[in-house]
Amino acid sequence: MRIVPTLELADCRRIAAVAETMAIQHQATVSLAICDAGGHPLLLIRLDGASPSSASVAMAKARMAALNGKPTADQEAAINGHRPALLQLAGVFKESAVAMGGGLPLLVQGLCIGAIGVSGMTPDLDAAIAASAASALGETA
């Protein structure tokens, strides 16, 4: 048996604060979502000016990153390249999950304990905000 760390609300708030700070610095109107390792929502924030759809997309990015334990940008690149069959994953999960840049697994001791998804700007900026926020835990994928 092994003991697996889990995200607590205080962790989610710390991660979200880092994401929000970076978003404000870049004048980015984004939504960010944090979920547990099973893809269940823990925290959702839609910054002022962010589109309503960005909240759903942020959660879908977080869910995909958590359930795969991989950055969504890597999955998007694989789909666009040599692995189009990965498009089927969203259907397998039975809930919204997308392989679009901006979702990162949250790792502790090499284990995926959840994920963050950011949506609303360019894939590169969404991913940069997510990476900055994920660093609040000290490990990233």
C-alpha atoms as a PDB file:
ATOM      1  CA  MET A   1       0.000   0.000   0.000  1.00  0.00           C
ATOM      2  CA  ARG A   2       1.124   3.550  -0.615  1.00  0.00           C
ATOM      3  CA  ILE A   3      -0.057   6.814   0.792  1.00  0.00           C
ATOM      4  CA  VAL A   4      -1.018   9.339  -1.873  1.00  0.00           C
ATOM      5  CA  PRO A   5      -1.037  13.077  -1.142  1.00  0.00           C
ATOM      6  CA  THR A   6      -4.196  14.986  -2.037  1.00  0.00           C
ATOM      7  CA  LEU A   7      -4.948  18.585  -2.839  1.00  0.00           C
ATOM      8  CA  GLU A   8      -6.559  20.639  -0.106  1.00  0.00           C
ATOM      9  CA  LEU A   9      -8.507  23.850  -0.557  1.00  0.00           C
ATOM     10  CA  ALA A  10      -5.548  25.877   0.732  1.00  0.00           C
ATOM     11  CA  ASP A  11      -3.358  24.321  -1.990  1.00  0.00           C
ATOM     12  CA  CYS A  12      -5.943  25.194  -4.637  1.00  0.00           C
ATOM     13  CA  ARG A  13      -6.161  28.769  -3.406  1.00  0.00           C
ATOM     14  CA  ARG A  14      -2.362  29.130  -3.468  1.00  0.00           C
ATOM     15  CA  ILE A  15      -2.172  27.731  -7.013  1.00  0.00           C
ATOM     16  CA  ALA A  16      -5.040  29.951  -8.157  1.00  0.00           C
ATOM     17  CA  ALA A  17      -3.445  33.060  -6.622  1.00  0.00           C
ATOM     18  CA  VAL A  18      -0.274  32.499  -8.650  1.00  0.00           C
ATOM     19  CA  ALA A  19      -2.320  32.002 -11.837  1.00  0.00           C
ATOM     20  CA  GLU A  20      -4.410  35.088 -11.161  1.00  0.00           C
ATOM     21  CA  THR A  21      -1.332  37.231 -10.509  1.00  0.00           C
ATOM     22  CA  MET A  22       0.280  36.160 -13.787  1.00  0.00           C
ATOM     23  CA  ALA A  23      -2.961  36.644 -15.708  1.00  0.00           C
ATOM     24  CA  ILE A  24      -3.328  40.174 -14.380  1.00  0.00           C
ATOM     25  CA  GLN A  25       0.295  40.968 -15.260  1.00  0.00           C
ATOM     26  CA  HIS A  26      -0.418  39.907 -18.862  1.00  0.00           C
ATOM     27  CA  GLN A  27      -3.874  41.537 -18.955  1.00  0.00           C
ATOM     28  CA  ALA A  28      -5.244  38.073 -19.678  1.00  0.00           C
ATOM     29  CA  THR A  29      -8.965  37.523 -19.285  1.00  0.00           C
ATOM     30  CA  VAL A  30      -8.980  33.833 -18.435  1.00  0.00           C
ATOM     31  CA  SER A  31     -10.756  31.232 -16.400  1.00  0.00           C
ATOM     32  CA  LEU A  32      -8.837  28.700 -14.373  1.00  0.00           C
ATOM     33  CA  ALA A  33      -9.951  25.393 -12.987  1.00  0.00           C
ATOM     34  CA  ILE A  34      -8.312  23.024 -10.546  1.00  0.00           C
ATOM     35  CA  CYS A  35      -9.439  19.421 -10.193  1.00  0.00           C
ATOM     36  CA  ASP A  36      -8.350  16.375  -8.227  1.00  0.00           C
ATOM     37  CA  ALA A  37      -6.663  13.321  -9.742  1.00  0.00           C
ATOM     38  CA  GLY A  38     -10.044  11.896 -10.727  1.00  0.00           C
ATOM     39  CA  GLY A  39     -10.944  15.018 -12.696  1.00  0.00           C
ATOM     40  CA  HIS A  40     -13.471  16.260 -10.116  1.00  0.00           C
ATOM     41  CA  PRO A  41     -13.683  20.051  -9.735  1.00  0.00           C
ATOM     42  CA  LEU A  42     -12.082  21.626  -6.680  1.00  0.00           C
ATOM     43  CA  LEU A  43     -11.917  25.320  -7.645  1.00  0.00           C
ATOM     44  CA  LEU A  44     -13.068  27.419 -10.586  1.00  0.00           C
ATOM     45  CA  ILE A  45     -12.332  31.116 -11.083  1.00  0.00           C
ATOM     46  CA  ARG A  46     -13.483  33.231 -14.007  1.00  0.00           C
ATOM     47  CA  LEU A  47     -11.586  36.512 -14.018  1.00  0.00           C
ATOM     48  CA  ASP A  48     -13.387  39.728 -14.901  1.00  0.00           C
ATOM     49  CA  GLY A  49     -13.870  39.926 -18.647  1.00  0.00           C
ATOM     50  CA  ALA A  50     -13.293  36.222 -19.317  1.00  0.00           C
ATOM     51  CA  SER A  51     -15.838  34.637 -21.613  1.00  0.00           C
ATOM     52  CA  PRO A  52     -18.411  32.304 -20.066  1.00  0.00           C
ATOM     53  CA  SER A  53     -17.212  29.480 -22.324  1.00  0.00           C
ATOM     54  CA  SER A  54     -13.674  29.787 -20.983  1.00  0.00           C
ATOM     55  CA  ALA A  55     -14.839  28.420 -17.620  1.00  0.00           C
ATOM     56  CA  SER A  56     -16.086  25.181 -19.188  1.00  0.00           C
ATOM     57  CA  VAL A  57     -12.992  24.845 -21.359  1.00  0.00           C
ATOM     58  CA  ALA A  58     -10.652  25.434 -18.393  1.00  0.00           C
ATOM     59  CA  MET A  59     -12.351  22.607 -16.488  1.00  0.00           C
ATOM     60  CA  ALA A  60     -12.195  20.315 -19.526  1.00  0.00           C
ATOM     61  CA  LYS A  61      -8.453  21.024 -19.907  1.00  0.00           C
ATOM     62  CA  ALA A  62      -7.835  20.330 -16.219  1.00  0.00           C
ATOM     63  CA  ARG A  63      -9.824  17.089 -16.365  1.00  0.00           C
ATOM     64  CA  MET A  64      -7.879  15.837 -19.417  1.00  0.00           C
ATOM     65  CA  ALA A  65      -4.521  16.651 -17.789  1.00  0.00           C
ATOM     66  CA  ALA A  66      -5.509  14.969 -14.520  1.00  0.00           C
ATOM     67  CA  LEU A  67      -6.884  11.788 -16.058  1.00  0.00           C
ATOM     68  CA  ASN A  68      -3.850  11.373 -18.327  1.00  0.00           C
ATOM     69  CA  GLY A  69      -1.206  12.796 -16.019  1.00  0.00           C
ATOM     70  CA  LYS A  70       0.193  14.676 -19.026  1.00  0.00           C
ATOM     71  CA  PRO A  71       0.158  18.265 -20.275  1.00  0.00           C
ATOM     72  CA  THR A  72      -2.708  18.853 -22.686  1.00  0.00           C
ATOM     73  CA  ALA A  73      -0.404  20.664 -25.128  1.00  0.00           C
ATOM     74  CA  ASP A  74       1.547  17.412 -25.572  1.00  0.00           C
ATOM     75  CA  GLN A  75      -1.694  15.558 -26.243  1.00  0.00           C
ATOM     76  CA  GLU A  76      -2.808  18.217 -28.729  1.00  0.00           C
ATOM     77  CA  ALA A  77       0.514  17.933 -30.565  1.00  0.00           C
ATOM     78  CA  ALA A  78       0.168  14.147 -30.726  1.00  0.00           C
ATOM     79  CA  ILE A  79      -3.377  14.407 -32.112  1.00  0.00           C
ATOM     80  CA  ASN A  80      -2.237  16.911 -34.732  1.00  0.00           C
ATOM     81  CA  GLY A  81       0.702  14.668 -35.572  1.00  0.00           C
ATOM     82  CA  HIS A  82       0.911  10.922 -35.356  1.00  0.00           C
ATOM     83  CA  ARG A  83      -1.871   9.991 -32.874  1.00  0.00           C
ATOM     84  CA  PRO A  84      -5.265  11.260 -34.089  1.00  0.00           C
ATOM     85  CA  ALA A  85      -6.865   8.309 -32.282  1.00  0.00           C
ATOM     86  CA  LEU A  86      -6.328  10.210 -29.019  1.00  0.00           C
ATOM     87  CA  LEU A  87      -9.366  12.294 -29.979  1.00  0.00           C
ATOM     88  CA  GLN A  88     -11.446   9.392 -28.679  1.00  0.00           C
ATOM     89  CA  LEU A  89     -10.313   9.947 -25.071  1.00  0.00           C
ATOM     90  CA  ALA A  90     -12.915  12.617 -24.352  1.00  0.00           C
ATOM     91  CA  GLY A  91     -15.660  10.135 -25.202  1.00  0.00           C
ATOM     92  CA  VAL A  92     -14.126   7.486 -22.969  1.00  0.00           C
ATOM     93  CA  PHE A  93     -14.097   9.854 -19.978  1.00  0.00           C
ATOM     94  CA  LYS A  94     -17.858  10.533 -20.335  1.00  0.00           C
ATOM     95  CA  GLU A  95     -17.330  14.125 -19.202  1.00  0.00           C
ATOM     96  CA  SER A  96     -15.912  17.209 -20.855  1.00  0.00           C
ATOM     97  CA  ALA A  97     -12.208  16.728 -21.481  1.00  0.00           C
ATOM     98  CA  VAL A  98     -10.156  18.422 -24.192  1.00  0.00           C
ATOM     99  CA  ALA A  99      -6.613  18.098 -25.459  1.00  0.00           C
ATOM    100  CA  MET A 100      -5.899  21.788 -25.986  1.00  0.00           C
ATOM    101  CA  GLY A 101      -2.871  23.599 -24.599  1.00  0.00           C
ATOM    102  CA  GLY A 102      -3.403  25.097 -21.149  1.00  0.00           C
ATOM    103  CA  GLY A 103      -3.891  22.032 -18.949  1.00  0.00           C
ATOM    104  CA  LEU A 104      -1.152  20.700 -16.689  1.00  0.00           C
ATOM    105  CA  PRO A 105      -1.077  17.859 -14.197  1.00  0.00           C
ATOM    106  CA  LEU A 106      -0.143  18.791 -10.634  1.00  0.00           C
ATOM    107  CA  LEU A 107       2.572  16.495  -9.376  1.00  0.00           C
ATOM    108  CA  VAL A 108       3.806  15.714  -5.894  1.00  0.00           C
ATOM    109  CA  GLN A 109       6.558  13.138  -5.430  1.00  0.00           C
ATOM    110  CA  GLY A 110       6.063  12.159  -9.068  1.00  0.00           C
ATOM    111  CA  LEU A 111       2.360  11.389  -8.559  1.00  0.00           C
ATOM    112  CA  CYS A 112      -0.452  13.239 -10.319  1.00  0.00           C
ATOM    113  CA  ILE A 113      -2.691  14.602  -7.570  1.00  0.00           C
ATOM    114  CA  GLY A 114      -4.805  16.807  -9.815  1.00  0.00           C
ATOM    115  CA  ALA A 115      -4.491  19.370 -12.564  1.00  0.00           C
ATOM    116  CA  ILE A 116      -4.962  22.986 -13.518  1.00  0.00           C
ATOM    117  CA  GLY A 117      -6.615  24.199 -16.697  1.00  0.00           C
ATOM    118  CA  VAL A 118      -6.453  27.758 -18.008  1.00  0.00           C
ATOM    119  CA  SER A 119      -8.537  29.058 -20.906  1.00  0.00           C
ATOM    120  CA  GLY A 120      -9.320  32.355 -22.557  1.00  0.00           C
ATOM    121  CA  MET A 121      -6.207  33.551 -24.349  1.00  0.00           C
ATOM    122  CA  THR A 122      -3.719  31.997 -26.794  1.00  0.00           C
ATOM    123  CA  PRO A 123      -2.616  28.406 -26.156  1.00  0.00           C
ATOM    124  CA  ASP A 124       0.889  29.643 -25.288  1.00  0.00           C
ATOM    125  CA  LEU A 125      -0.321  32.202 -22.743  1.00  0.00           C
ATOM    126  CA  ASP A 126      -2.860  29.785 -21.234  1.00  0.00           C
ATOM    127  CA  ALA A 127      -0.072  27.197 -20.864  1.00  0.00           C
ATOM    128  CA  ALA A 128       2.362  29.741 -19.379  1.00  0.00           C
ATOM    129  CA  ILE A 129      -0.197  30.797 -16.761  1.00  0.00           C
ATOM    130  CA  ALA A 130      -0.897  27.133 -15.930  1.00  0.00           C
ATOM    131  CA  ALA A 131       2.838  26.367 -15.639  1.00  0.00           C
ATOM    132  CA  SER A 132       3.389  29.335 -13.344  1.00  0.00           C
ATOM    133  CA  ALA A 133       0.509  28.223 -11.141  1.00  0.00           C
ATOM    134  CA  ALA A 134       1.607  24.560 -11.100  1.00  0.00           C
ATOM    135  CA  SER A 135       5.019  25.643  -9.865  1.00  0.00           C
ATOM    136  CA  ALA A 136       3.321  26.684  -6.611  1.00  0.00           C
ATOM    137  CA  LEU A 137       3.451  22.987  -5.668  1.00  0.00           C
ATOM    138  CA  GLY A 138       7.116  22.673  -6.587  1.00  0.00           C
ATOM    139  CA  GLU A 139       6.839  20.002  -9.318  1.00  0.00           C
ATOM    140  CA  THR A 140       5.483  20.137 -12.853  1.00  0.00           C
ATOM    141  CA  ALA A 141       5.188  17.660 -15.700  1.00  0.00           C
END
